[in-house]
Amino acid sequence: MARTRTDTRAGILKACKEIVRREGVDRLTFDAVAAKLGVSKQAVIYWFPTKEDLIAGYALPALRDEARAAVRAARSADNAAAAMSAVVHAIVRFHLRDLDRFRLMYVAIQASGRIAPLSMPGALADTIHGITGEMYTALAERLSEDGFADPRRKAVATHMAALGLVLMASLADAMDDPLAHQPAALADTMAHLISGGGL
């Protein structure tokens, strides 16, 4: 059976994920992807002209899934504090299920070198901002219902805090040095603090 264009693109993204999982983010190169698939480097570059395009091809669908999980959590909670807690738990659970995916989404682009904001293609930046904006809006709406000041900023901070917890869990996993506390327990504590539970 002949390989279709969609199969080729999907195969490249699958190879990307396997390389990161088995060899680490720093081994994700066009040459490595091409060798894994048995195609030329140019065949990979045809679909993904830059490493950032390659990462975005894999990361954007995952970012959409992350945002959907957070939006569902925010909208299904009973009140603002519960919404913040639910969003923390949703994001942490989503990423702990696949730390390699997390690394590709949030670490690989950093490892590939500094990217000036102006060099990010407008369409890609707009797509990312649209996806994250939906997530922040869903939580901010819940926060504003209960009179929280600066609800959008609190929504962004909630997301960033949850990602920070996952980043540390990812680092501990990569070093094979488990955290002293289980990530789920840390998420409970973080959610309690963020939602106004105090120390």
C-alpha atoms as a PDB file:
ATOM      1  CA  MET A   1       0.000   0.000   0.000  1.00  0.00           C
ATOM      2  CA  ALA A   2       1.391   3.406  -0.969  1.00  0.00           C
ATOM      3  CA  ARG A   3       2.136   5.878   1.781  1.00  0.00           C
ATOM      4  CA  THR A   4      -0.137   8.923   1.709  1.00  0.00           C
ATOM      5  CA  ARG A   5       0.914  12.495   2.451  1.00  0.00           C
ATOM      6  CA  THR A   6      -0.984  12.345   5.743  1.00  0.00           C
ATOM      7  CA  ASP A   7       0.821   9.114   6.681  1.00  0.00           C
ATOM      8  CA  THR A   8       4.191  10.769   6.017  1.00  0.00           C
ATOM      9  CA  ARG A   9       3.392  13.763   8.215  1.00  0.00           C
ATOM     10  CA  ALA A  10       1.981  11.550  10.976  1.00  0.00           C
ATOM     11  CA  GLY A  11       5.027   9.264  10.731  1.00  0.00           C
ATOM     12  CA  ILE A  12       7.365  12.221  11.187  1.00  0.00           C
ATOM     13  CA  LEU A  13       5.485  13.357  14.297  1.00  0.00           C
ATOM     14  CA  LYS A  14       5.468   9.826  15.706  1.00  0.00           C
ATOM     15  CA  ALA A  15       9.217   9.532  15.108  1.00  0.00           C
ATOM     16  CA  CYS A  16       9.682  12.893  16.814  1.00  0.00           C
ATOM     17  CA  LYS A  17       7.908  11.637  19.926  1.00  0.00           C
ATOM     18  CA  GLU A  18       9.847   8.352  19.973  1.00  0.00           C
ATOM     19  CA  ILE A  19      13.190  10.121  19.693  1.00  0.00           C
ATOM     20  CA  VAL A  20      12.371  12.417  22.590  1.00  0.00           C
ATOM     21  CA  ARG A  21      11.114   9.495  24.679  1.00  0.00           C
ATOM     22  CA  ARG A  22      14.098   7.224  24.063  1.00  0.00           C
ATOM     23  CA  GLU A  23      16.979   9.634  23.554  1.00  0.00           C
ATOM     24  CA  GLY A  24      15.950  12.986  24.972  1.00  0.00           C
ATOM     25  CA  VAL A  25      15.018  16.375  23.585  1.00  0.00           C
ATOM     26  CA  ASP A  26      18.577  17.269  22.575  1.00  0.00           C
ATOM     27  CA  ARG A  27      18.622  14.330  20.122  1.00  0.00           C
ATOM     28  CA  LEU A  28      15.621  15.612  18.199  1.00  0.00           C
ATOM     29  CA  THR A  29      17.161  16.606  14.858  1.00  0.00           C
ATOM     30  CA  PHE A  30      16.073  16.405  11.231  1.00  0.00           C
ATOM     31  CA  ASP A  31      18.779  13.805  10.630  1.00  0.00           C
ATOM     32  CA  ALA A  32      17.536  11.647  13.523  1.00  0.00           C
ATOM     33  CA  VAL A  33      13.921  11.820  12.329  1.00  0.00           C
ATOM     34  CA  ALA A  34      14.932  11.037   8.743  1.00  0.00           C
ATOM     35  CA  ALA A  35      17.081   8.076   9.827  1.00  0.00           C
ATOM     36  CA  LYS A  36      14.284   6.687  11.999  1.00  0.00           C
ATOM     37  CA  LEU A  37      11.848   6.824   9.071  1.00  0.00           C
ATOM     38  CA  GLY A  38      14.312   5.767   6.389  1.00  0.00           C
ATOM     39  CA  VAL A  39      13.725   8.922   4.354  1.00  0.00           C
ATOM     40  CA  SER A  40      15.897  11.840   3.348  1.00  0.00           C
ATOM     41  CA  LYS A  41      16.399  14.861   5.570  1.00  0.00           C
ATOM     42  CA  GLN A  42      14.765  16.919   2.798  1.00  0.00           C
ATOM     43  CA  ALA A  43      11.611  14.821   3.086  1.00  0.00           C
ATOM     44  CA  VAL A  44      11.310  15.841   6.735  1.00  0.00           C
ATOM     45  CA  ILE A  45      12.128  19.489   5.971  1.00  0.00           C
ATOM     46  CA  TYR A  46       9.440  19.504   3.269  1.00  0.00           C
ATOM     47  CA  TRP A  47       6.810  18.997   5.976  1.00  0.00           C
ATOM     48  CA  PHE A  48       8.538  20.898   8.770  1.00  0.00           C
ATOM     49  CA  PRO A  49      10.979  23.555   7.483  1.00  0.00           C
ATOM     50  CA  THR A  50      12.384  24.363  10.950  1.00  0.00           C
ATOM     51  CA  LYS A  51      12.833  22.489  14.198  1.00  0.00           C
ATOM     52  CA  GLU A  52      10.287  24.843  15.733  1.00  0.00           C
ATOM     53  CA  ASP A  53       7.773  23.797  13.036  1.00  0.00           C
ATOM     54  CA  LEU A  54       8.470  20.167  13.878  1.00  0.00           C
ATOM     55  CA  ILE A  55       7.875  20.762  17.576  1.00  0.00           C
ATOM     56  CA  ALA A  56       4.778  22.871  16.862  1.00  0.00           C
ATOM     57  CA  GLY A  57       3.370  20.111  14.642  1.00  0.00           C
ATOM     58  CA  TYR A  58       3.430  17.813  17.623  1.00  0.00           C
ATOM     59  CA  ALA A  59       2.875  20.318  20.426  1.00  0.00           C
ATOM     60  CA  LEU A  60      -0.102  22.308  19.103  1.00  0.00           C
ATOM     61  CA  PRO A  61      -2.574  19.403  19.168  1.00  0.00           C
ATOM     62  CA  ALA A  62      -1.334  18.566  22.676  1.00  0.00           C
ATOM     63  CA  LEU A  63      -1.728  22.204  23.732  1.00  0.00           C
ATOM     64  CA  ARG A  64      -5.320  22.095  22.464  1.00  0.00           C
ATOM     65  CA  ASP A  65      -5.926  18.949  24.538  1.00  0.00           C
ATOM     66  CA  GLU A  66      -4.378  20.587  27.610  1.00  0.00           C
ATOM     67  CA  ALA A  67      -6.564  23.670  27.153  1.00  0.00           C
ATOM     68  CA  ARG A  68      -9.705  21.548  26.714  1.00  0.00           C
ATOM     69  CA  ALA A  69      -8.949  19.712  29.967  1.00  0.00           C
ATOM     70  CA  ALA A  70      -8.492  23.027  31.803  1.00  0.00           C
ATOM     71  CA  VAL A  71     -11.628  24.579  30.282  1.00  0.00           C
ATOM     72  CA  ARG A  72     -13.726  21.538  31.263  1.00  0.00           C
ATOM     73  CA  ALA A  73     -12.328  21.695  34.792  1.00  0.00           C
ATOM     74  CA  ALA A  74     -13.024  25.427  35.164  1.00  0.00           C
ATOM     75  CA  ARG A  75     -16.553  25.201  33.809  1.00  0.00           C
ATOM     76  CA  SER A  76     -17.588  22.152  35.826  1.00  0.00           C
ATOM     77  CA  ALA A  77     -16.513  23.529  39.225  1.00  0.00           C
ATOM     78  CA  ASP A  78     -19.065  24.864  41.714  1.00  0.00           C
ATOM     79  CA  ASN A  79     -17.331  28.174  42.439  1.00  0.00           C
ATOM     80  CA  ALA A  80     -14.206  30.228  41.712  1.00  0.00           C
ATOM     81  CA  ALA A  81     -11.964  28.610  44.326  1.00  0.00           C
ATOM     82  CA  ALA A  82     -13.029  25.152  43.172  1.00  0.00           C
ATOM     83  CA  ALA A  83     -12.384  26.181  39.563  1.00  0.00           C
ATOM     84  CA  MET A  84      -8.795  27.225  40.349  1.00  0.00           C
ATOM     85  CA  SER A  85      -8.210  23.967  42.191  1.00  0.00           C
ATOM     86  CA  ALA A  86      -9.784  21.922  39.406  1.00  0.00           C
ATOM     87  CA  VAL A  87      -7.661  23.627  36.745  1.00  0.00           C
ATOM     88  CA  VAL A  88      -4.434  22.929  38.679  1.00  0.00           C
ATOM     89  CA  HIS A  89      -5.387  19.262  39.017  1.00  0.00           C
ATOM     90  CA  ALA A  90      -6.470  18.972  35.373  1.00  0.00           C
ATOM     91  CA  ILE A  91      -3.219  20.414  34.029  1.00  0.00           C
ATOM     92  CA  VAL A  92      -1.000  18.402  36.364  1.00  0.00           C
ATOM     93  CA  ARG A  93      -2.862  15.150  35.599  1.00  0.00           C
ATOM     94  CA  PHE A  94      -2.783  15.832  31.868  1.00  0.00           C
ATOM     95  CA  HIS A  95       0.988  16.254  31.820  1.00  0.00           C
ATOM     96  CA  LEU A  96       1.944  13.595  34.353  1.00  0.00           C
ATOM     97  CA  ARG A  97       0.346  11.026  32.049  1.00  0.00           C
ATOM     98  CA  ASP A  98       3.010  11.765  29.423  1.00  0.00           C
ATOM     99  CA  LEU A  99       6.111  13.637  30.571  1.00  0.00           C
ATOM    100  CA  ASP A 100       7.763  13.210  27.169  1.00  0.00           C
ATOM    101  CA  ARG A 101       4.876  15.095  25.594  1.00  0.00           C
ATOM    102  CA  PHE A 102       5.305  17.804  28.246  1.00  0.00           C
ATOM    103  CA  ARG A 103       9.020  18.054  27.456  1.00  0.00           C
ATOM    104  CA  LEU A 104       8.258  18.445  23.781  1.00  0.00           C
ATOM    105  CA  MET A 105       5.641  21.106  24.454  1.00  0.00           C
ATOM    106  CA  TYR A 106       7.457  23.195  27.034  1.00  0.00           C
ATOM    107  CA  VAL A 107      11.143  22.247  27.113  1.00  0.00           C
ATOM    108  CA  ALA A 108      12.242  21.286  23.591  1.00  0.00           C
ATOM    109  CA  ILE A 109      11.665  24.706  22.092  1.00  0.00           C
ATOM    110  CA  GLN A 110      13.864  26.231  24.803  1.00  0.00           C
ATOM    111  CA  ALA A 111      16.578  23.635  24.272  1.00  0.00           C
ATOM    112  CA  SER A 112      16.724  24.484  20.576  1.00  0.00           C
ATOM    113  CA  GLY A 113      17.900  28.018  21.329  1.00  0.00           C
ATOM    114  CA  ARG A 114      16.455  31.418  22.026  1.00  0.00           C
ATOM    115  CA  ILE A 115      13.615  32.434  19.739  1.00  0.00           C
ATOM    116  CA  ALA A 116      12.996  36.124  19.361  1.00  0.00           C
ATOM    117  CA  PRO A 117       9.264  36.910  19.609  1.00  0.00           C
ATOM    118  CA  LEU A 118       9.361  38.664  16.260  1.00  0.00           C
ATOM    119  CA  SER A 119      10.718  35.548  14.542  1.00  0.00           C
ATOM    120  CA  MET A 120       7.695  33.453  15.510  1.00  0.00           C
ATOM    121  CA  PRO A 121       5.411  33.291  12.493  1.00  0.00           C
ATOM    122  CA  GLY A 122       2.300  35.377  13.108  1.00  0.00           C
ATOM    123  CA  ALA A 123      -0.067  32.505  12.377  1.00  0.00           C
ATOM    124  CA  LEU A 124       1.678  30.245  14.897  1.00  0.00           C
ATOM    125  CA  ALA A 125       1.732  32.925  17.589  1.00  0.00           C
ATOM    126  CA  ASP A 126      -1.942  33.671  16.934  1.00  0.00           C
ATOM    127  CA  THR A 127      -2.787  29.972  17.177  1.00  0.00           C
ATOM    128  CA  ILE A 128      -0.932  29.554  20.479  1.00  0.00           C
ATOM    129  CA  HIS A 129      -2.465  32.708  21.928  1.00  0.00           C
ATOM    130  CA  GLY A 130      -5.924  31.627  20.800  1.00  0.00           C
ATOM    131  CA  ILE A 131      -5.588  28.230  22.480  1.00  0.00           C
ATOM    132  CA  THR A 132      -4.191  29.547  25.755  1.00  0.00           C
ATOM    133  CA  GLY A 133      -6.593  32.503  25.637  1.00  0.00           C
ATOM    134  CA  GLU A 134      -9.571  30.147  25.638  1.00  0.00           C
ATOM    135  CA  MET A 135      -8.214  28.420  28.721  1.00  0.00           C
ATOM    136  CA  TYR A 136      -7.513  31.696  30.551  1.00  0.00           C
ATOM    137  CA  THR A 137     -10.909  33.125  29.620  1.00  0.00           C
ATOM    138  CA  ALA A 138     -12.762  30.090  30.973  1.00  0.00           C
ATOM    139  CA  LEU A 139     -11.042  30.350  34.353  1.00  0.00           C
ATOM    140  CA  ALA A 140     -11.154  34.158  34.455  1.00  0.00           C
ATOM    141  CA  GLU A 141     -14.916  34.090  33.885  1.00  0.00           C
ATOM    142  CA  ARG A 142     -15.352  31.798  36.891  1.00  0.00           C
ATOM    143  CA  LEU A 143     -13.089  34.020  39.018  1.00  0.00           C
ATOM    144  CA  SER A 144     -14.928  37.192  38.055  1.00  0.00           C
ATOM    145  CA  GLU A 145     -18.251  35.577  39.091  1.00  0.00           C
ATOM    146  CA  ASP A 146     -16.965  35.522  42.666  1.00  0.00           C
ATOM    147  CA  GLY A 147     -15.464  39.008  42.500  1.00  0.00           C
ATOM    148  CA  PHE A 148     -11.785  38.052  42.298  1.00  0.00           C
ATOM    149  CA  ALA A 149      -9.677  41.088  41.387  1.00  0.00           C
ATOM    150  CA  ASP A 150      -7.598  40.768  38.208  1.00  0.00           C
ATOM    151  CA  PRO A 151      -9.137  37.427  37.190  1.00  0.00           C
ATOM    152  CA  ARG A 152      -7.215  37.087  33.919  1.00  0.00           C
ATOM    153  CA  ARG A 153      -3.851  37.502  35.618  1.00  0.00           C
ATOM    154  CA  LYS A 154      -4.861  34.961  38.276  1.00  0.00           C
ATOM    155  CA  ALA A 155      -5.908  32.531  35.539  1.00  0.00           C
ATOM    156  CA  VAL A 156      -2.519  32.872  33.817  1.00  0.00           C
ATOM    157  CA  ALA A 157      -0.681  32.501  37.142  1.00  0.00           C
ATOM    158  CA  THR A 158      -2.690  29.366  37.965  1.00  0.00           C
ATOM    159  CA  HIS A 159      -1.638  27.787  34.669  1.00  0.00           C
ATOM    160  CA  MET A 160       1.989  28.776  35.172  1.00  0.00           C
ATOM    161  CA  ALA A 161       2.058  27.397  38.711  1.00  0.00           C
ATOM    162  CA  ALA A 162       0.691  24.042  37.543  1.00  0.00           C
ATOM    163  CA  LEU A 163       3.266  23.907  34.737  1.00  0.00           C
ATOM    164  CA  GLY A 164       6.020  24.678  37.250  1.00  0.00           C
ATOM    165  CA  LEU A 165       5.008  21.689  39.346  1.00  0.00           C
ATOM    166  CA  VAL A 166       5.052  19.457  36.259  1.00  0.00           C
ATOM    167  CA  LEU A 167       8.434  20.861  35.224  1.00  0.00           C
ATOM    168  CA  MET A 168       9.942  19.833  38.552  1.00  0.00           C
ATOM    169  CA  ALA A 169       8.319  16.390  38.323  1.00  0.00           C
ATOM    170  CA  SER A 170       9.730  16.075  34.804  1.00  0.00           C
ATOM    171  CA  LEU A 171      13.203  17.071  35.984  1.00  0.00           C
ATOM    172  CA  ALA A 172      13.067  14.566  38.853  1.00  0.00           C
ATOM    173  CA  ASP A 173      11.939  11.872  36.409  1.00  0.00           C
ATOM    174  CA  ALA A 174      14.744  12.676  33.950  1.00  0.00           C
ATOM    175  CA  MET A 175      17.325  12.452  36.741  1.00  0.00           C
ATOM    176  CA  ASP A 176      15.727   9.275  38.130  1.00  0.00           C
ATOM    177  CA  ASP A 177      15.574  11.069  41.480  1.00  0.00           C
ATOM    178  CA  PRO A 178      11.983  10.927  42.746  1.00  0.00           C
ATOM    179  CA  LEU A 179      10.490  13.955  44.451  1.00  0.00           C
ATOM    180  CA  ALA A 180      10.161  13.722  48.236  1.00  0.00           C
ATOM    181  CA  HIS A 181       6.404  14.231  47.839  1.00  0.00           C
ATOM    182  CA  GLN A 182       4.179  12.679  45.211  1.00  0.00           C
ATOM    183  CA  PRO A 183       3.235  15.147  42.429  1.00  0.00           C
ATOM    184  CA  ALA A 184      -0.469  14.502  43.062  1.00  0.00           C
ATOM    185  CA  ALA A 185      -0.041  15.453  46.737  1.00  0.00           C
ATOM    186  CA  LEU A 186       1.920  18.558  45.719  1.00  0.00           C
ATOM    187  CA  ALA A 187      -0.904  19.444  43.313  1.00  0.00           C
ATOM    188  CA  ASP A 188      -3.364  19.153  46.221  1.00  0.00           C
ATOM    189  CA  THR A 189      -1.271  21.564  48.289  1.00  0.00           C
ATOM    190  CA  MET A 190      -0.746  23.961  45.389  1.00  0.00           C
ATOM    191  CA  ALA A 191      -4.442  23.972  44.530  1.00  0.00           C
ATOM    192  CA  HIS A 192      -5.306  24.660  48.171  1.00  0.00           C
ATOM    193  CA  LEU A 193      -2.887  27.584  48.353  1.00  0.00           C
ATOM    194  CA  ILE A 194      -3.847  29.054  44.987  1.00  0.00           C
ATOM    195  CA  SER A 195      -7.552  28.853  45.669  1.00  0.00           C
ATOM    196  CA  GLY A 196      -7.200  30.839  48.888  1.00  0.00           C
ATOM    197  CA  GLY A 197      -6.899  28.027  51.382  1.00  0.00           C
ATOM    198  CA  GLY A 198      -3.872  29.623  53.017  1.00  0.00           C
ATOM    199  CA  LEU A 199      -0.979  27.836  54.659  1.00  0.00           C
END
